[in-house]
Structures are given as C-alpha cells and as structure tokens.
Amino acid sequence: MTKAPTQKSLQAAVTVLGLLGGPAAIAFLVNKAFGPDENSDKVIEVAKEEYKKSGAAITEPSYRGLFPKRQLWTPKLEYPLWDNDWDGKRKTIANIRQINTEKLKFINKHGVTRHIILVRHGQYDQTPEDDSEHILTELGRKQAELTGQRLAQMCNGSEGVFASSKIRVLRVSDMTRAKETADIIAKYLPEVKRDDPDPLLNEGFPAQVLPLRHEMGVNMVQEVDDCHGRIEEAFQKYMYRANLAEDIARLVRNDNLHDAEEESIKKNKLK
C-alpha cells in the first residue's frame, strides 16, 4: 500500500521541481502525480496564504491567484515528448535526415562531446547587504582550493584510472563570491583561458516556484520579470551541444573517415 505524501514532503518536492523545471513541472506534480486531492489543494492554499501575507496584488490573469499566467513556463512540446532541438542547434541542419542511423552512431561515438562543468561558489559571508562585501569565508576558500585541485587532476588524468582532458575556457558571473572562487580555481589551471565576468550569469529567478518565497514578498513577480530574459539569454549563450554540423561536414568530405566508419561498423558486426 502506497503511503500518502505528507504536506512537508509534498512541499519539498514542489520546491525541487520548481528549481529544476519551473512552474510547468510544479503543475504536473500537483495536478497529475498526486492528483487533485487534499494534499495538493493544501499546497496551493498554503502558497496563497503566504502570498496574501506579502501584501501583493495581481491585477492580470493569474495562475491560481498566485502569479501572472504570463510567468507560467510551458514547454515547446507537450510533456513527455523530448525536444530534440532544445538548444536551437539542430533545426539549421537541413541534411541530417539524409544521414543513416549507422553514420549518426559513428558521429556520436567519434565526434566531439561538449562537457560543461558547473561549479558553485564557496561558502561566503551573507551578513552584508552589498554584493561587493559577500566575500568567501575561510571554509569557502578551502572549498575553492579543493575544487581547483580536483579540476587540475581531471585535466592531467590519472594513469590507469582515467585519461587526461582539456578545459577550454573558465567563465564566471559578475558576483563577488563567484569571481573570488574563480580566482582561486584559476591558480590550478594556468593553461586555461579566462573570459571576463559575465553579468548574464548572475543569480536570479528565471521562473516562479512553489511554495512561494515569503521573504521575496511583492517583489517576486518583478524579480521574475527582471531576471527571466537575462537568464534565458545566458542559457542560450552557454548551454548548447557540440556543433553537429561540423561533424556531418567532416563525415561527408573526408574519405578516410568514411573508410574508418565502414571498418568500425564491420568490426562491430563481427563481435
């Protein structure tokens, strides 16, 4: 017999989904996964009460009286369909359908895989209000040192354990704690290029989350309005796959690659 979720566990799940998938994921959890029962209704009621306490007032069409419907994130394709063009890099390849499955498998195996390593800043002093004073604590600096050492180990490789790799560029937001963390990590990666701090990567709320953050109060709607476009721009700028078009072009023009492909396919069939 399945145990019904408690209000506490439901709220925790909603919070996580809100951070990862935005309001659409929350709506799915509340309305589908748990159904329109008293638990899901309770979450909505709690959120409404917190919103009322903030003194906020929505004068436009809203999602359950919590925030404007225009801030309700919806996927391009209906759930649970996967969007193969999530980064906008596939629709420009007109001849992708002309490449057979075996060739695509070969490209995926021997082509370029782009890895993005996301590093959170170290622990910092949250006492001051001004960001310029949000410097790392002693623990935060130690965390950054250990992270830099680990990344350097990944670059150099470990004999018999894993091969060496190459980090192409180190990017960071324009926030004090992030820049300080990056400065420490960079000491261990002297060969890695560093880009200038990018304000597009600064923290913010790209979408509404449930339960609502009471301390944000009336500013939450404005916060999403202010941050959504910037964070979406940052995602489009940095979060994308390796250039499949270049791999396809190389496959088409390089006879040696064709030969290597055929040989690889033959060997796989013999296994």
C-alpha atoms as a PDB file:
ATOM      1  CA  MET A   1       0.000   0.000   0.000  1.00  0.00           C
ATOM      2  CA  THR A   2       1.459   3.335  -1.062  1.00  0.00           C
ATOM      3  CA  LYS A   3       1.848   5.848   1.743  1.00  0.00           C
ATOM      4  CA  ALA A   4       0.231   9.207   1.018  1.00  0.00           C
ATOM      5  CA  PRO A   5       2.725  12.096   0.828  1.00  0.00           C
ATOM      6  CA  THR A   6       2.780  14.430   3.786  1.00  0.00           C
ATOM      7  CA  GLN A   7       2.381  18.168   3.376  1.00  0.00           C
ATOM      8  CA  LYS A   8       6.072  18.597   4.260  1.00  0.00           C
ATOM      9  CA  SER A   9       7.298  16.045   1.702  1.00  0.00           C
ATOM     10  CA  LEU A  10       4.978  17.445  -0.962  1.00  0.00           C
ATOM     11  CA  GLN A  11       6.231  20.974  -0.392  1.00  0.00           C
ATOM     12  CA  ALA A  12       9.838  19.742  -0.575  1.00  0.00           C
ATOM     13  CA  ALA A  13       9.128  18.002  -3.876  1.00  0.00           C
ATOM     14  CA  VAL A  14       7.420  21.081  -5.242  1.00  0.00           C
ATOM     15  CA  THR A  15      10.386  23.247  -4.252  1.00  0.00           C
ATOM     16  CA  VAL A  16      12.865  20.953  -6.038  1.00  0.00           C
ATOM     17  CA  LEU A  17      10.754  20.729  -9.175  1.00  0.00           C
ATOM     18  CA  GLY A  18      10.296  24.472  -9.141  1.00  0.00           C
ATOM     19  CA  LEU A  19      14.050  24.986  -9.153  1.00  0.00           C
ATOM     20  CA  LEU A  20      14.660  22.393 -11.852  1.00  0.00           C
ATOM     21  CA  GLY A  21      11.698  22.658 -14.135  1.00  0.00           C
ATOM     22  CA  GLY A  22       9.766  25.784 -13.310  1.00  0.00           C
ATOM     23  CA  PRO A  23       6.015  26.151 -12.763  1.00  0.00           C
ATOM     24  CA  ALA A  24       5.151  23.647 -15.504  1.00  0.00           C
ATOM     25  CA  ALA A  25       6.901  20.907 -13.552  1.00  0.00           C
ATOM     26  CA  ILE A  26       5.137  22.043 -10.398  1.00  0.00           C
ATOM     27  CA  ALA A  27       1.750  21.980 -12.101  1.00  0.00           C
ATOM     28  CA  PHE A  28       2.437  18.434 -13.309  1.00  0.00           C
ATOM     29  CA  LEU A  29       3.387  17.304  -9.815  1.00  0.00           C
ATOM     30  CA  VAL A  30       0.379  18.880  -8.117  1.00  0.00           C
ATOM     31  CA  ASN A  31      -2.256  18.004 -10.717  1.00  0.00           C
ATOM     32  CA  LYS A  32      -1.002  14.693 -12.139  1.00  0.00           C
ATOM     33  CA  ALA A  33       1.442  12.878  -9.878  1.00  0.00           C
ATOM     34  CA  PHE A  34      -0.567  13.405  -6.701  1.00  0.00           C
ATOM     35  CA  GLY A  35      -3.965  14.156  -8.202  1.00  0.00           C
ATOM     36  CA  PRO A  36      -6.475  16.792  -7.107  1.00  0.00           C
ATOM     37  CA  ASP A  37      -6.603  15.540  -3.533  1.00  0.00           C
ATOM     38  CA  GLU A  38      -6.452  17.343  -0.217  1.00  0.00           C
ATOM     39  CA  ASN A  39      -2.627  17.304  -0.180  1.00  0.00           C
ATOM     40  CA  SER A  40      -2.213  19.153  -3.481  1.00  0.00           C
ATOM     41  CA  ASP A  41      -5.022  21.532  -2.543  1.00  0.00           C
ATOM     42  CA  LYS A  42      -3.254  22.206   0.754  1.00  0.00           C
ATOM     43  CA  VAL A  43      -0.029  23.209  -1.026  1.00  0.00           C
ATOM     44  CA  ILE A  44      -1.917  25.700  -3.160  1.00  0.00           C
ATOM     45  CA  GLU A  45      -3.772  27.096  -0.157  1.00  0.00           C
ATOM     46  CA  VAL A  46      -0.544  27.495   1.840  1.00  0.00           C
ATOM     47  CA  ALA A  47       1.056  29.294  -1.100  1.00  0.00           C
ATOM     48  CA  LYS A  48      -1.963  31.591  -1.413  1.00  0.00           C
ATOM     49  CA  GLU A  49      -1.835  32.458   2.269  1.00  0.00           C
ATOM     50  CA  GLU A  50       1.878  33.294   2.047  1.00  0.00           C
ATOM     51  CA  TYR A  51       1.206  35.433  -0.996  1.00  0.00           C
ATOM     52  CA  LYS A  52      -1.524  37.319   0.847  1.00  0.00           C
ATOM     53  CA  LYS A  53       0.831  37.975   3.764  1.00  0.00           C
ATOM     54  CA  SER A  54       3.254  39.626   1.355  1.00  0.00           C
ATOM     55  CA  GLY A  55       0.622  42.222   0.500  1.00  0.00           C
ATOM     56  CA  ALA A  56       0.933  41.512  -3.233  1.00  0.00           C
ATOM     57  CA  ALA A  57      -1.987  42.034  -5.569  1.00  0.00           C
ATOM     58  CA  ILE A  58      -2.299  40.580  -9.063  1.00  0.00           C
ATOM     59  CA  THR A  59      -4.420  42.670 -11.407  1.00  0.00           C
ATOM     60  CA  GLU A  60      -3.937  40.492 -14.510  1.00  0.00           C
ATOM     61  CA  PRO A  61      -4.929  36.891 -15.361  1.00  0.00           C
ATOM     62  CA  SER A  62      -3.198  34.719 -12.792  1.00  0.00           C
ATOM     63  CA  TYR A  63      -2.254  31.109 -12.116  1.00  0.00           C
ATOM     64  CA  ARG A  64      -4.495  30.076  -9.209  1.00  0.00           C
ATOM     65  CA  GLY A  65      -4.227  33.605  -7.839  1.00  0.00           C
ATOM     66  CA  LEU A  66      -0.507  33.145  -7.178  1.00  0.00           C
ATOM     67  CA  PHE A  67       1.297  34.904 -10.036  1.00  0.00           C
ATOM     68  CA  PRO A  68       0.576  36.185 -13.581  1.00  0.00           C
ATOM     69  CA  LYS A  69      -0.166  33.458 -16.113  1.00  0.00           C
ATOM     70  CA  ARG A  70       2.382  35.019 -18.456  1.00  0.00           C
ATOM     71  CA  GLN A  71       5.035  33.831 -15.977  1.00  0.00           C
ATOM     72  CA  LEU A  72       3.852  30.227 -16.186  1.00  0.00           C
ATOM     73  CA  TRP A  73       6.550  28.360 -18.088  1.00  0.00           C
ATOM     74  CA  THR A  74       5.351  25.869 -20.714  1.00  0.00           C
ATOM     75  CA  PRO A  75       7.495  23.540 -22.849  1.00  0.00           C
ATOM     76  CA  LYS A  76       7.612  23.838 -26.622  1.00  0.00           C
ATOM     77  CA  LEU A  77       6.454  20.223 -26.931  1.00  0.00           C
ATOM     78  CA  GLU A  78       3.753  18.567 -24.878  1.00  0.00           C
ATOM     79  CA  TYR A  79       5.016  16.554 -21.906  1.00  0.00           C
ATOM     80  CA  PRO A  80       6.532  13.906 -22.017  1.00  0.00           C
ATOM     81  CA  LEU A  81       7.829  14.447 -25.586  1.00  0.00           C
ATOM     82  CA  TRP A  82      11.566  15.211 -25.850  1.00  0.00           C
ATOM     83  CA  ASP A  83      12.572  18.381 -27.687  1.00  0.00           C
ATOM     84  CA  ASN A  84      15.446  17.345 -29.972  1.00  0.00           C
ATOM     85  CA  ASP A  85      16.122  20.992 -30.745  1.00  0.00           C
ATOM     86  CA  TRP A  86      16.259  22.174 -27.107  1.00  0.00           C
ATOM     87  CA  ASP A  87      19.363  24.291 -27.791  1.00  0.00           C
ATOM     88  CA  GLY A  88      18.274  25.587 -31.207  1.00  0.00           C
ATOM     89  CA  LYS A  89      21.249  23.904 -32.902  1.00  0.00           C
ATOM     90  CA  ARG A  90      19.509  21.104 -34.790  1.00  0.00           C
ATOM     91  CA  LYS A  91      16.883  22.832 -36.924  1.00  0.00           C
ATOM     92  CA  THR A  92      19.561  24.505 -39.059  1.00  0.00           C
ATOM     93  CA  ILE A  93      20.930  21.156 -40.271  1.00  0.00           C
ATOM     94  CA  ALA A  94      18.880  20.531 -43.397  1.00  0.00           C
ATOM     95  CA  ASN A  95      20.584  17.296 -44.400  1.00  0.00           C
ATOM     96  CA  ILE A  96      20.540  15.493 -41.043  1.00  0.00           C
ATOM     97  CA  ARG A  97      17.737  13.149 -42.183  1.00  0.00           C
ATOM     98  CA  GLN A  98      19.832  12.115 -45.171  1.00  0.00           C
ATOM     99  CA  ILE A  99      22.405  10.539 -42.869  1.00  0.00           C
ATOM    100  CA  ASN A 100      21.623   6.957 -41.984  1.00  0.00           C
ATOM    101  CA  THR A 101      21.481   5.599 -38.452  1.00  0.00           C
ATOM    102  CA  GLU A 102      24.883   3.885 -38.599  1.00  0.00           C
ATOM    103  CA  LYS A 103      26.598   7.113 -39.648  1.00  0.00           C
ATOM    104  CA  LEU A 104      24.900   9.067 -36.885  1.00  0.00           C
ATOM    105  CA  LYS A 105      26.029   6.441 -34.374  1.00  0.00           C
ATOM    106  CA  PHE A 106      29.569   6.801 -35.696  1.00  0.00           C
ATOM    107  CA  ILE A 107      29.401  10.599 -35.336  1.00  0.00           C
ATOM    108  CA  ASN A 108      28.108  10.289 -31.788  1.00  0.00           C
ATOM    109  CA  LYS A 109      30.942   7.920 -30.898  1.00  0.00           C
ATOM    110  CA  HIS A 110      33.850   9.622 -32.674  1.00  0.00           C
ATOM    111  CA  GLY A 111      32.626  13.207 -32.886  1.00  0.00           C
ATOM    112  CA  VAL A 112      33.008  15.964 -30.312  1.00  0.00           C
ATOM    113  CA  THR A 113      31.196  15.802 -26.983  1.00  0.00           C
ATOM    114  CA  ARG A 114      30.892  19.142 -25.228  1.00  0.00           C
ATOM    115  CA  HIS A 115      31.112  18.969 -21.461  1.00  0.00           C
ATOM    116  CA  ILE A 116      30.020  21.834 -19.197  1.00  0.00           C
ATOM    117  CA  ILE A 117      31.295  21.659 -15.624  1.00  0.00           C
ATOM    118  CA  LEU A 118      29.122  23.741 -13.304  1.00  0.00           C
ATOM    119  CA  VAL A 119      30.872  24.909 -10.137  1.00  0.00           C
ATOM    120  CA  ARG A 120      29.056  26.600  -7.263  1.00  0.00           C
ATOM    121  CA  HIS A 121      30.863  29.381  -5.407  1.00  0.00           C
ATOM    122  CA  GLY A 122      32.339  28.635  -1.997  1.00  0.00           C
ATOM    123  CA  GLN A 123      30.681  29.496   1.299  1.00  0.00           C
ATOM    124  CA  TYR A 124      30.520  33.275   1.745  1.00  0.00           C
ATOM    125  CA  ASP A 125      29.629  35.901   4.326  1.00  0.00           C
ATOM    126  CA  GLN A 126      25.935  36.701   3.901  1.00  0.00           C
ATOM    127  CA  THR A 127      25.845  39.341   6.636  1.00  0.00           C
ATOM    128  CA  PRO A 128      26.425  42.456   4.471  1.00  0.00           C
ATOM    129  CA  GLU A 129      23.694  43.591   2.083  1.00  0.00           C
ATOM    130  CA  ASP A 130      26.037  44.786  -0.671  1.00  0.00           C
ATOM    131  CA  ASP A 131      27.287  42.102  -3.060  1.00  0.00           C
ATOM    132  CA  SER A 132      30.789  43.604  -3.108  1.00  0.00           C
ATOM    133  CA  GLU A 133      31.125  42.577   0.546  1.00  0.00           C
ATOM    134  CA  HIS A 134      29.926  38.994   0.021  1.00  0.00           C
ATOM    135  CA  ILE A 135      33.435  37.560   0.261  1.00  0.00           C
ATOM    136  CA  LEU A 136      34.346  33.923   0.870  1.00  0.00           C
ATOM    137  CA  THR A 137      34.769  32.596   4.367  1.00  0.00           C
ATOM    138  CA  GLU A 138      37.783  30.524   5.345  1.00  0.00           C
ATOM    139  CA  LEU A 139      35.758  27.394   4.584  1.00  0.00           C
ATOM    140  CA  GLY A 140      34.662  28.866   1.250  1.00  0.00           C
ATOM    141  CA  ARG A 141      38.275  29.486   0.218  1.00  0.00           C
ATOM    142  CA  LYS A 142      39.199  25.926   1.187  1.00  0.00           C
ATOM    143  CA  GLN A 143      36.292  24.617  -0.885  1.00  0.00           C
ATOM    144  CA  ALA A 144      37.557  26.589  -3.890  1.00  0.00           C
ATOM    145  CA  GLU A 145      41.111  25.331  -3.390  1.00  0.00           C
ATOM    146  CA  LEU A 146      39.946  21.706  -3.333  1.00  0.00           C
ATOM    147  CA  THR A 147      37.787  22.266  -6.412  1.00  0.00           C
ATOM    148  CA  GLY A 148      40.738  23.754  -8.307  1.00  0.00           C
ATOM    149  CA  GLN A 149      42.932  20.803  -7.329  1.00  0.00           C
ATOM    150  CA  ARG A 150      40.297  18.331  -8.485  1.00  0.00           C
ATOM    151  CA  LEU A 151      39.814  20.066 -11.835  1.00  0.00           C
ATOM    152  CA  ALA A 152      43.584  20.089 -12.365  1.00  0.00           C
ATOM    153  CA  GLN A 153      43.650  16.363 -11.641  1.00  0.00           C
ATOM    154  CA  MET A 154      40.927  15.839 -14.226  1.00  0.00           C
ATOM    155  CA  CYS A 155      42.995  17.775 -16.789  1.00  0.00           C
ATOM    156  CA  ASN A 156      46.182  15.841 -16.080  1.00  0.00           C
ATOM    157  CA  GLY A 157      44.497  12.467 -15.894  1.00  0.00           C
ATOM    158  CA  SER A 158      45.303   9.557 -13.611  1.00  0.00           C
ATOM    159  CA  GLU A 159      47.296   6.655 -15.002  1.00  0.00           C
ATOM    160  CA  GLY A 160      45.247   3.501 -15.039  1.00  0.00           C
ATOM    161  CA  VAL A 161      42.153   5.310 -13.817  1.00  0.00           C
ATOM    162  CA  PHE A 162      41.112   7.945 -16.381  1.00  0.00           C
ATOM    163  CA  ALA A 163      42.685   9.765 -19.316  1.00  0.00           C
ATOM    164  CA  SER A 164      43.664  13.414 -19.401  1.00  0.00           C
ATOM    165  CA  SER A 165      41.215  16.009 -20.652  1.00  0.00           C
ATOM    166  CA  LYS A 166      41.260  19.634 -21.680  1.00  0.00           C
ATOM    167  CA  ILE A 167      39.309  22.508 -20.201  1.00  0.00           C
ATOM    168  CA  ARG A 168      38.971  25.152 -22.896  1.00  0.00           C
ATOM    169  CA  VAL A 169      37.684  28.157 -21.008  1.00  0.00           C
ATOM    170  CA  LEU A 170      36.785  29.313 -17.497  1.00  0.00           C
ATOM    171  CA  ARG A 171      33.704  31.523 -17.260  1.00  0.00           C
ATOM    172  CA  VAL A 172      32.219  33.249 -14.237  1.00  0.00           C
ATOM    173  CA  SER A 173      29.390  35.598 -13.286  1.00  0.00           C
ATOM    174  CA  ASP A 174      29.991  39.155 -12.126  1.00  0.00           C
ATOM    175  CA  MET A 175      29.174  38.402  -8.471  1.00  0.00           C
ATOM    176  CA  THR A 176      31.902  38.887  -5.872  1.00  0.00           C
ATOM    177  CA  ARG A 177      31.747  35.401  -4.339  1.00  0.00           C
ATOM    178  CA  ALA A 178      31.804  33.752  -7.772  1.00  0.00           C
ATOM    179  CA  LYS A 179      34.761  35.822  -9.008  1.00  0.00           C
ATOM    180  CA  GLU A 180      36.730  35.104  -5.839  1.00  0.00           C
ATOM    181  CA  THR A 181      36.039  31.383  -6.238  1.00  0.00           C
ATOM    182  CA  ALA A 182      37.133  31.500  -9.886  1.00  0.00           C
ATOM    183  CA  ASP A 183      40.352  33.347  -8.981  1.00  0.00           C
ATOM    184  CA  ILE A 184      41.325  30.554  -6.603  1.00  0.00           C
ATOM    185  CA  ILE A 185      40.429  27.781  -9.048  1.00  0.00           C
ATOM    186  CA  ALA A 186      42.332  29.501 -11.874  1.00  0.00           C
ATOM    187  CA  LYS A 187      45.606  29.131  -9.946  1.00  0.00           C
ATOM    188  CA  TYR A 188      45.437  25.409 -10.626  1.00  0.00           C
ATOM    189  CA  LEU A 189      44.540  25.826 -14.317  1.00  0.00           C
ATOM    190  CA  PRO A 190      47.262  28.167 -15.673  1.00  0.00           C
ATOM    191  CA  GLU A 191      46.805  26.988 -19.268  1.00  0.00           C
ATOM    192  CA  VAL A 192      43.051  27.558 -19.341  1.00  0.00           C
ATOM    193  CA  LYS A 193      41.681  30.698 -20.993  1.00  0.00           C
ATOM    194  CA  ARG A 194      39.627  33.004 -18.765  1.00  0.00           C
ATOM    195  CA  ASP A 195      36.726  35.061 -20.062  1.00  0.00           C
ATOM    196  CA  ASP A 196      35.714  38.356 -18.491  1.00  0.00           C
ATOM    197  CA  PRO A 197      32.998  38.079 -15.822  1.00  0.00           C
ATOM    198  CA  ASP A 198      29.571  37.964 -17.460  1.00  0.00           C
ATOM    199  CA  PRO A 199      26.625  39.668 -15.668  1.00  0.00           C
ATOM    200  CA  LEU A 200      24.258  37.420 -17.656  1.00  0.00           C
ATOM    201  CA  LEU A 201      25.326  34.620 -15.324  1.00  0.00           C
ATOM    202  CA  ASN A 202      24.408  36.486 -12.143  1.00  0.00           C
ATOM    203  CA  GLU A 203      21.904  34.805  -9.824  1.00  0.00           C
ATOM    204  CA  GLY A 204      18.194  35.429 -10.119  1.00  0.00           C
ATOM    205  CA  PHE A 205      14.776  33.828 -10.527  1.00  0.00           C
ATOM    206  CA  PRO A 206      14.023  32.753 -14.113  1.00  0.00           C
ATOM    207  CA  ALA A 207      10.581  31.426 -13.132  1.00  0.00           C
ATOM    208  CA  GLN A 208       8.104  31.213 -10.287  1.00  0.00           C
ATOM    209  CA  VAL A 209       8.491  28.452  -7.692  1.00  0.00           C
ATOM    210  CA  LEU A 210       6.104  26.844  -5.207  1.00  0.00           C
ATOM    211  CA  PRO A 211       5.898  27.159  -2.275  1.00  0.00           C
ATOM    212  CA  LEU A 212       6.350  30.897  -2.765  1.00  0.00           C
ATOM    213  CA  ARG A 213       9.268  32.520  -1.004  1.00  0.00           C
ATOM    214  CA  HIS A 214       7.566  34.703   1.583  1.00  0.00           C
ATOM    215  CA  GLU A 215      10.669  36.828   2.133  1.00  0.00           C
ATOM    216  CA  MET A 216      10.551  37.883  -1.541  1.00  0.00           C
ATOM    217  CA  GLY A 217       7.063  39.284  -0.966  1.00  0.00           C
ATOM    218  CA  VAL A 218       5.575  41.566  -3.564  1.00  0.00           C
ATOM    219  CA  ASN A 219       8.881  41.731  -5.436  1.00  0.00           C
ATOM    220  CA  MET A 220       8.724  38.127  -6.652  1.00  0.00           C
ATOM    221  CA  VAL A 221       6.676  38.932  -9.755  1.00  0.00           C
ATOM    222  CA  GLN A 222       9.007  41.812 -10.566  1.00  0.00           C
ATOM    223  CA  GLU A 223      12.034  39.613  -9.844  1.00  0.00           C
ATOM    224  CA  VAL A 224      10.919  37.069 -12.445  1.00  0.00           C
ATOM    225  CA  ASP A 225      10.144  39.837 -14.939  1.00  0.00           C
ATOM    226  CA  ASP A 226      13.606  41.296 -14.399  1.00  0.00           C
ATOM    227  CA  CYS A 227      15.550  38.018 -14.460  1.00  0.00           C
ATOM    228  CA  HIS A 228      13.794  35.667 -16.891  1.00  0.00           C
ATOM    229  CA  GLY A 229      15.016  37.262 -20.115  1.00  0.00           C
ATOM    230  CA  ARG A 230      18.586  37.661 -18.868  1.00  0.00           C
ATOM    231  CA  ILE A 231      18.878  34.083 -17.607  1.00  0.00           C
ATOM    232  CA  GLU A 232      17.307  32.696 -20.785  1.00  0.00           C
ATOM    233  CA  GLU A 233      19.876  34.673 -22.791  1.00  0.00           C
ATOM    234  CA  ALA A 234      22.659  33.189 -20.658  1.00  0.00           C
ATOM    235  CA  PHE A 235      21.301  29.678 -21.215  1.00  0.00           C
ATOM    236  CA  GLN A 236      21.191  30.160 -24.990  1.00  0.00           C
ATOM    237  CA  LYS A 237      24.701  31.642 -24.940  1.00  0.00           C
ATOM    238  CA  TYR A 238      26.416  28.910 -22.958  1.00  0.00           C
ATOM    239  CA  MET A 239      24.250  25.767 -22.735  1.00  0.00           C
ATOM    240  CA  TYR A 240      24.414  24.015 -26.097  1.00  0.00           C
ATOM    241  CA  ARG A 241      25.741  20.853 -27.675  1.00  0.00           C
ATOM    242  CA  ALA A 242      28.867  20.472 -29.780  1.00  0.00           C
ATOM    243  CA  ASN A 243      28.451  21.527 -33.415  1.00  0.00           C
ATOM    244  CA  LEU A 244      26.885  18.530 -35.156  1.00  0.00           C
ATOM    245  CA  ALA A 245      27.003  20.362 -38.484  1.00  0.00           C
ATOM    246  CA  GLU A 246      30.811  20.349 -38.391  1.00  0.00           C
ATOM    247  CA  ASP A 247      30.866  16.613 -37.673  1.00  0.00           C
ATOM    248  CA  ILE A 248      28.480  15.964 -40.569  1.00  0.00           C
ATOM    249  CA  ALA A 249      30.530  18.104 -42.946  1.00  0.00           C
ATOM    250  CA  ARG A 250      33.694  16.290 -41.915  1.00  0.00           C
ATOM    251  CA  LEU A 251      31.987  12.942 -42.452  1.00  0.00           C
ATOM    252  CA  VAL A 252      30.789  13.971 -45.912  1.00  0.00           C
ATOM    253  CA  ARG A 253      34.097  15.369 -47.185  1.00  0.00           C
ATOM    254  CA  ASN A 254      36.645  13.066 -45.570  1.00  0.00           C
ATOM    255  CA  ASP A 255      37.124   9.766 -47.433  1.00  0.00           C
ATOM    256  CA  ASN A 256      39.407   8.450 -44.704  1.00  0.00           C
ATOM    257  CA  LEU A 257      36.635   8.954 -42.190  1.00  0.00           C
ATOM    258  CA  HIS A 258      34.287   7.038 -44.478  1.00  0.00           C
ATOM    259  CA  ASP A 259      36.796   4.174 -44.566  1.00  0.00           C
ATOM    260  CA  ALA A 260      37.236   4.288 -40.791  1.00  0.00           C
ATOM    261  CA  GLU A 261      33.467   4.282 -40.369  1.00  0.00           C
ATOM    262  CA  GLU A 262      32.963   1.248 -42.588  1.00  0.00           C
ATOM    263  CA  GLU A 263      35.786  -0.595 -40.831  1.00  0.00           C
ATOM    264  CA  SER A 264      34.306   0.234 -37.420  1.00  0.00           C
ATOM    265  CA  ILE A 265      30.854  -0.969 -38.474  1.00  0.00           C
ATOM    266  CA  LYS A 266      32.295  -4.216 -39.859  1.00  0.00           C
ATOM    267  CA  LYS A 267      34.187  -4.891 -36.646  1.00  0.00           C
ATOM    268  CA  ASN A 268      31.074  -4.270 -34.567  1.00  0.00           C
ATOM    269  CA  LYS A 269      29.085  -6.697 -36.680  1.00  0.00           C
ATOM    270  CA  LEU A 270      31.736  -9.379 -36.228  1.00  0.00           C
ATOM    271  CA  LYS A 271      31.622  -9.065 -32.432  1.00  0.00           C
END
